[in-house]
PDB file of N, CA and C in Angstrom:
ATOM      1  N   MET A   1     133.590 101.792  72.055  1.00  0.00           N
ATOM      2  CA  MET A   1     133.485 100.665  72.709  1.00  0.00           C
ATOM      3  C   MET A   1     133.115 100.465  74.315  1.00  0.00           C
ATOM      4  N   ALA A   2     133.628 101.609  75.093  1.00  0.00           N
ATOM      5  CA  ALA A   2     133.105 101.472  76.477  1.00  0.00           C
ATOM      6  C   ALA A   2     131.595 101.647  76.448  1.00  0.00           C
ATOM      7  N   ALA A   3     131.076 102.655  75.550  1.00  0.00           N
ATOM      8  CA  ALA A   3     129.638 102.960  75.375  1.00  0.00           C
ATOM      9  C   ALA A   3     129.083 101.538  75.215  1.00  0.00           C
ATOM     10  N   LYS A   4     129.414 100.734  74.316  1.00  0.00           N
ATOM     11  CA  LYS A   4     128.832  99.828  74.053  1.00  0.00           C
ATOM     12  C   LYS A   4     128.770  98.758  75.270  1.00  0.00           C
ATOM     13  N   ALA A   5     129.829  98.562  76.124  1.00  0.00           N
ATOM     14  CA  ALA A   5     130.019  97.499  77.189  1.00  0.00           C
ATOM     15  C   ALA A   5     128.788  98.357  78.237  1.00  0.00           C
ATOM     16  N   LYS A   6     128.844  99.616  78.492  1.00  0.00           N
ATOM     17  CA  LYS A   6     127.917  99.991  79.287  1.00  0.00           C
ATOM     18  C   LYS A   6     126.451  99.915  79.005  1.00  0.00           C
ATOM     19  N   PHE A   7     126.382  99.963  77.861  1.00  0.00           N
ATOM     20  CA  PHE A   7     124.906  99.602  77.186  1.00  0.00           C
ATOM     21  C   PHE A   7     124.715  98.079  77.578  1.00  0.00           C
ATOM     22  N   GLN A   8     125.507  97.343  77.165  1.00  0.00           N
ATOM     23  CA  GLN A   8     125.200  95.884  77.539  1.00  0.00           C
ATOM     24  C   GLN A   8     125.222  95.443  78.819  1.00  0.00           C
ATOM     25  N   LYS A   9     125.765  96.367  79.570  1.00  0.00           N
ATOM     26  CA  LYS A   9     125.770  96.205  81.343  1.00  0.00           C
ATOM     27  C   LYS A   9     124.396  96.356  81.726  1.00  0.00           C
ATOM     28  N   ALA A  10     123.911  97.669  81.295  1.00  0.00           N
ATOM     29  CA  ALA A  10     122.314  98.103  81.468  1.00  0.00           C
ATOM     30  C   ALA A  10     121.179  97.073  81.193  1.00  0.00           C
ATOM     31  N   GLN A  11     121.560  96.608  79.687  1.00  0.00           N
ATOM     32  CA  GLN A  11     120.453  95.833  79.136  1.00  0.00           C
ATOM     33  C   GLN A  11     120.453  94.278  80.383  1.00  0.00           C
ATOM     34  N   ALA A  12     121.529  94.157  80.621  1.00  0.00           N
ATOM     35  CA  ALA A  12     121.694  92.672  81.447  1.00  0.00           C
ATOM     36  C   ALA A  12     120.948  93.297  82.654  1.00  0.00           C
ATOM     37  N   GLU A  13     121.501  94.113  83.418  1.00  0.00           N
ATOM     38  CA  GLU A  13     120.671  94.553  84.698  1.00  0.00           C
ATOM     39  C   GLU A  13     119.089  94.920  84.398  1.00  0.00           C
ATOM     40  N   LEU A  14     118.691  95.514  83.313  1.00  0.00           N
ATOM     41  CA  LEU A  14     117.231  95.736  82.959  1.00  0.00           C
ATOM     42  C   LEU A  14     116.658  94.247  83.069  1.00  0.00           C
ATOM     43  N   GLN A  15     117.291  93.302  82.803  1.00  0.00           N
ATOM     44  CA  GLN A  15     116.575  92.094  82.156  1.00  0.00           C
ATOM     45  C   GLN A  15     116.616  91.210  83.528  1.00  0.00           C
ATOM     46  N   ALA A  16     117.839  91.510  84.326  1.00  0.00           N
ATOM     47  CA  ALA A  16     117.717  90.848  85.469  1.00  0.00           C
ATOM     48  C   ALA A  16     116.437  91.287  86.608  1.00  0.00           C
ATOM     49  N   TYR A  17     116.323  92.684  86.249  1.00  0.00           N
ATOM     50  CA  TYR A  17     115.134  93.614  87.038  1.00  0.00           C
ATOM     51  C   TYR A  17     113.589  92.917  86.677  1.00  0.00           C
ATOM     52  N   GLU A  18     113.691  92.740  85.386  1.00  0.00           N
ATOM     53  CA  GLU A  18     112.515  92.264  84.443  1.00  0.00           C
ATOM     54  C   GLU A  18     112.310  90.619  85.219  1.00  0.00           C
ATOM     55  N   ASP A  19     113.015  89.957  85.210  1.00  0.00           N
ATOM     56  CA  ASP A  19     113.232  88.594  85.393  1.00  0.00           C
ATOM     57  C   ASP A  19     112.859  88.265  86.909  1.00  0.00           C
ATOM     58  N   ALA A  20     113.401  89.420  87.907  1.00  0.00           N
ATOM     59  CA  ALA A  20     112.885  89.176  89.263  1.00  0.00           C
ATOM     60  C   ALA A  20     111.435  89.710  89.492  1.00  0.00           C
ATOM     61  N   ARG A  21     111.040  90.399  88.945  1.00  0.00           N
ATOM     62  CA  ARG A  21     109.490  91.155  88.659  1.00  0.00           C
ATOM     63  C   ARG A  21     108.713  90.329  87.987  1.00  0.00           C
ATOM     64  N   GLU A  22     108.948  89.593  87.286  1.00  0.00           N
ATOM     65  CA  GLU A  22     107.852  88.513  86.650  1.00  0.00           C
ATOM     66  C   GLU A  22     108.099  87.386  87.834  1.00  0.00           C
ATOM     67  N   ALA A  23     109.220  86.884  88.291  1.00  0.00           N
ATOM     68  CA  ALA A  23     109.120  86.125  89.276  1.00  0.00           C
ATOM     69  C   ALA A  23     108.369  86.347  90.709  1.00  0.00           C
ATOM     70  N   SER A  24     108.371  87.510  90.883  1.00  0.00           N
ATOM     71  CA  SER A  24     107.454  88.078  92.416  1.00  0.00           C
ATOM     72  C   SER A  24     106.093  88.271  91.848  1.00  0.00           C
ATOM     73  N   ARG A  25     106.052  88.345  90.388  1.00  0.00           N
ATOM     74  CA  ARG A  25     104.384  88.274  90.073  1.00  0.00           C
ATOM     75  C   ARG A  25     104.027  86.869  90.140  1.00  0.00           C
ATOM     76  N   GLN A  26     104.803  86.192  89.775  1.00  0.00           N
ATOM     77  CA  GLN A  26     104.153  84.811  89.291  1.00  0.00           C
ATOM     78  C   GLN A  26     103.794  84.005  91.173  1.00  0.00           C
ATOM     79  N   HIS A  27     104.871  84.563  91.991  1.00  0.00           N
ATOM     80  CA  HIS A  27     104.587  84.134  92.945  1.00  0.00           C
ATOM     81  C   HIS A  27     103.317  84.715  93.798  1.00  0.00           C
ATOM     82  N   SER A  28     102.928  86.095  93.657  1.00  0.00           N
ATOM     83  CA  SER A  28     101.959  86.639  94.106  1.00  0.00           C
ATOM     84  C   SER A  28     100.585  86.056  93.700  1.00  0.00           C
ATOM     85  N   LEU A  29     100.601  85.607  92.593  1.00  0.00           N
ATOM     86  CA  LEU A  29      99.205  85.226  91.708  1.00  0.00           C
ATOM     87  C   LEU A  29      99.220  83.688  92.419  1.00  0.00           C
ATOM     88  N   GLU A  30     100.450  82.898  92.863  1.00  0.00           N
ATOM     89  CA  GLU A  30     100.235  81.578  93.616  1.00  0.00           C
ATOM     90  C   GLU A  30      99.623  81.805  94.859  1.00  0.00           C
ATOM     91  N   ALA A  31     100.163  82.760  95.521  1.00  0.00           N
ATOM     92  CA  ALA A  31      99.609  82.945  96.539  1.00  0.00           C
ATOM     93  C   ALA A  31      98.309  83.497  96.837  1.00  0.00           C
ATOM     94  N   THR A  32      97.807  84.150  95.737  1.00  0.00           N
ATOM     95  CA  THR A  32      96.625  84.721  95.677  1.00  0.00           C
ATOM     96  C   THR A  32      95.481  83.594  95.606  1.00  0.00           C
ATOM     97  N   GLU A  33      96.153  82.759  94.635  1.00  0.00           N
ATOM     98  CA  GLU A  33      95.148  81.505  94.345  1.00  0.00           C
ATOM     99  C   GLU A  33      94.886  80.597  95.535  1.00  0.00           C
ATOM    100  N   MET A  34      96.209  80.332  96.158  1.00  0.00           N
ATOM    101  CA  MET A  34      96.307  79.674  97.462  1.00  0.00           C
ATOM    102  C   MET A  34      95.241  80.336  98.393  1.00  0.00           C
ATOM    103  N   LEU A  35      95.212  81.504  98.688  1.00  0.00           N
ATOM    104  CA  LEU A  35      94.395  82.254  99.742  1.00  0.00           C
ATOM    105  C   LEU A  35      92.798  81.939  99.621  1.00  0.00           C
ATOM    106  N   GLN A  36      92.555  82.112  98.259  1.00  0.00           N
ATOM    107  CA  GLN A  36      91.372  81.818  97.598  1.00  0.00           C
ATOM    108  C   GLN A  36      91.052  80.583  98.100  1.00  0.00           C
ATOM    109  N   GLU A  37      91.542  79.628  97.932  1.00  0.00           N
ATOM    110  CA  GLU A  37      91.148  78.093  98.262  1.00  0.00           C
ATOM    111  C   GLU A  37      91.108  78.041  99.624  1.00  0.00           C
ATOM    112  N   LYS A  38      91.833  78.467 100.536  1.00  0.00           N
ATOM    113  CA  LYS A  38      91.585  78.300 101.781  1.00  0.00           C
ATOM    114  C   LYS A  38      90.451  79.120 102.410  1.00  0.00           C
ATOM    115  N   ASN A  39      90.318  80.273 101.621  1.00  0.00           N
ATOM    116  CA  ASN A  39      89.058  81.070 102.070  1.00  0.00           C
ATOM    117  C   ASN A  39      87.828  80.313 101.556  1.00  0.00           C
ATOM    118  N   ARG A  40      87.575  79.448 100.321  1.00  0.00           N
ATOM    119  CA  ARG A  40      86.780  78.658 100.244  1.00  0.00           C
ATOM    120  C   ARG A  40      86.289  77.581 101.336  1.00  0.00           C
ATOM    121  N   GLU A  41      87.688  77.091 101.585  1.00  0.00           N
ATOM    122  CA  GLU A  41      87.891  76.039 102.671  1.00  0.00           C
ATOM    123  C   GLU A  41      86.858  76.225 104.027  1.00  0.00           C
ATOM    124  N   VAL A  42      87.477  77.369 104.718  1.00  0.00           N
ATOM    125  CA  VAL A  42      87.118  78.113 105.603  1.00  0.00           C
ATOM    126  C   VAL A  42      85.095  78.206 105.708  1.00  0.00           C
ATOM    127  N   GLU A  43      84.901  78.677 104.447  1.00  0.00           N
ATOM    128  CA  GLU A  43      83.309  79.289 104.249  1.00  0.00           C
ATOM    129  C   GLU A  43      82.889  77.685 104.465  1.00  0.00           C
ATOM    130  N   TYR A  44      82.940  76.617 103.725  1.00  0.00           N
ATOM    131  CA  TYR A  44      82.685  75.479 103.804  1.00  0.00           C
ATOM    132  C   TYR A  44      82.606  74.789 105.340  1.00  0.00           C
ATOM    133  N   LEU A  45      83.706  75.100 105.824  1.00  0.00           N
ATOM    134  CA  LEU A  45      83.556  74.734 107.455  1.00  0.00           C
ATOM    135  C   LEU A  45      82.819  75.363 108.243  1.00  0.00           C
ATOM    136  N   ARG A  46      82.850  76.643 107.946  1.00  0.00           N
ATOM    137  CA  ARG A  46      81.641  77.578 108.887  1.00  0.00           C
ATOM    138  C   ARG A  46      80.306  76.986 108.512  1.00  0.00           C
ATOM    139  N   ALA A  47      79.988  76.735 107.132  1.00  0.00           N
ATOM    140  CA  ALA A  47      78.686  76.322 107.132  1.00  0.00           C
ATOM    141  C   ALA A  47      78.650  74.810 107.564  1.00  0.00           C
ATOM    142  N   GLN A  48      79.370  73.984 107.174  1.00  0.00           N
ATOM    143  CA  GLN A  48      79.190  72.539 108.129  1.00  0.00           C
ATOM    144  C   GLN A  48      78.823  72.761 109.467  1.00  0.00           C
ATOM    145  N   LYS A  49      79.926  73.617 110.282  1.00  0.00           N
ATOM    146  CA  LYS A  49      79.900  73.862 111.845  1.00  0.00           C
ATOM    147  C   LYS A  49      78.496  74.470 112.142  1.00  0.00           C
ATOM    148  N   GLY A  50      77.691  75.181 111.162  1.00  0.00           N
ATOM    149  CA  GLY A  50      76.301  75.884 111.595  1.00  0.00           C
ATOM    150  C   GLY A  50      75.665  74.547 111.399  1.00  0.00           C
ATOM    151  N   ALA A  51      75.689  74.000 110.633  1.00  0.00           N
ATOM    152  CA  ALA A  51      74.804  72.601 110.494  1.00  0.00           C
ATOM    153  C   ALA A  51      74.894  71.716 111.460  1.00  0.00           C
ATOM    154  N   ASP A  52      75.793  71.761 111.895  1.00  0.00           N
ATOM    155  CA  ASP A  52      76.193  70.522 113.201  1.00  0.00           C
ATOM    156  C   ASP A  52      75.525  71.338 114.346  1.00  0.00           C
ATOM    157  N   GLU A  53      75.976  72.613 114.812  1.00  0.00           N
ATOM    158  CA  GLU A  53      75.339  73.204 115.889  1.00  0.00           C
ATOM    159  C   GLU A  53      73.858  73.078 115.837  1.00  0.00           C
ATOM    160  N   ARG A  54      73.172  73.360 114.741  1.00  0.00           N
ATOM    161  CA  ARG A  54      71.946  72.995 114.751  1.00  0.00           C
ATOM    162  C   ARG A  54      71.128  71.874 115.029  1.00  0.00           C
ATOM    163  N   GLU A  55      72.073  70.930 114.493  1.00  0.00           N
ATOM    164  CA  GLU A  55      71.622  69.481 114.750  1.00  0.00           C
ATOM    165  C   GLU A  55      71.794  69.337 115.998  1.00  0.00           C
ATOM    166  N   ARG A  56      72.803  69.563 116.756  1.00  0.00           N
ATOM    167  CA  ARG A  56      73.279  69.211 118.231  1.00  0.00           C
ATOM    168  C   ARG A  56      72.179  70.143 118.793  1.00  0.00           C
ATOM    169  N   GLU A  57      71.808  71.133 118.796  1.00  0.00           N
ATOM    170  CA  GLU A  57      70.611  72.178 119.323  1.00  0.00           C
ATOM    171  C   GLU A  57      69.358  71.105 119.385  1.00  0.00           C
ATOM    172  N   ALA A  58      69.045  70.655 118.304  1.00  0.00           N
ATOM    173  CA  ALA A  58      67.928  69.870 118.201  1.00  0.00           C
ATOM    174  C   ALA A  58      67.802  68.622 118.779  1.00  0.00           C
ATOM    175  N   LYS A  59      68.961  67.934 118.792  1.00  0.00           N
ATOM    176  CA  LYS A  59      69.234  66.923 119.845  1.00  0.00           C
ATOM    177  C   LYS A  59      68.921  66.941 121.219  1.00  0.00           C
ATOM    178  N   LEU A  60      69.650  68.006 121.544  1.00  0.00           N
ATOM    179  CA  LEU A  60      69.632  68.284 122.869  1.00  0.00           C
ATOM    180  C   LEU A  60      68.099  68.872 123.183  1.00  0.00           C
ATOM    181  N   ARG A  61      67.429  69.545 122.340  1.00  0.00           N
ATOM    182  CA  ARG A  61      65.695  69.847 122.616  1.00  0.00           C
ATOM    183  C   ARG A  61      65.204  68.600 122.973  1.00  0.00           C
ATOM    184  N   GLN A  62      65.415  67.750 121.946  1.00  0.00           N
ATOM    185  CA  GLN A  62      64.868  66.523 122.007  1.00  0.00           C
ATOM    186  C   GLN A  62      64.924  65.467 123.225  1.00  0.00           C
ATOM    187  N   LEU A  63      66.393  65.379 123.562  1.00  0.00           N
ATOM    188  CA  LEU A  63      66.704  64.683 125.050  1.00  0.00           C
ATOM    189  C   LEU A  63      65.955  65.510 125.962  1.00  0.00           C
ATOM    190  N   ALA A  64      65.878  66.720 126.090  1.00  0.00           N
ATOM    191  CA  ALA A  64      65.464  67.425 127.228  1.00  0.00           C
ATOM    192  C   ALA A  64      64.028  67.323 127.474  1.00  0.00           C
ATOM    193  N   GLY A  65      63.448  67.139 126.115  1.00  0.00           N
ATOM    194  CA  GLY A  65      61.959  66.681 126.301  1.00  0.00           C
ATOM    195  C   GLY A  65      61.713  65.363 126.740  1.00  0.00           C
ATOM    196  N   LYS A  66      62.580  64.501 126.642  1.00  0.00           N
ATOM    197  CA  LYS A  66      62.283  62.943 127.022  1.00  0.00           C
ATOM    198  C   LYS A  66      62.789  62.867 128.584  1.00  0.00           C
ATOM    199  N   ALA A  67      63.453  63.808 129.133  1.00  0.00           N
ATOM    200  CA  ALA A  67      64.030  63.543 130.477  1.00  0.00           C
ATOM    201  C   ALA A  67      62.639  64.141 131.499  1.00  0.00           C
TER     202      ALA A  67
END
């Protein structure tokens, strides 16, 4: 009887560890997806800033030519 109780306790502990591992794995996947999305946003903003800078430089050259 004691062996059965010990076995059941070990099974419960194992299940708790597996549940914690799965929760950690899921959290890691969500964090990775969020990071990938933010990286895409940063790349878009970098491209947008580059275009804005080129337009600004062109406008400054145009204004300097008129002065």
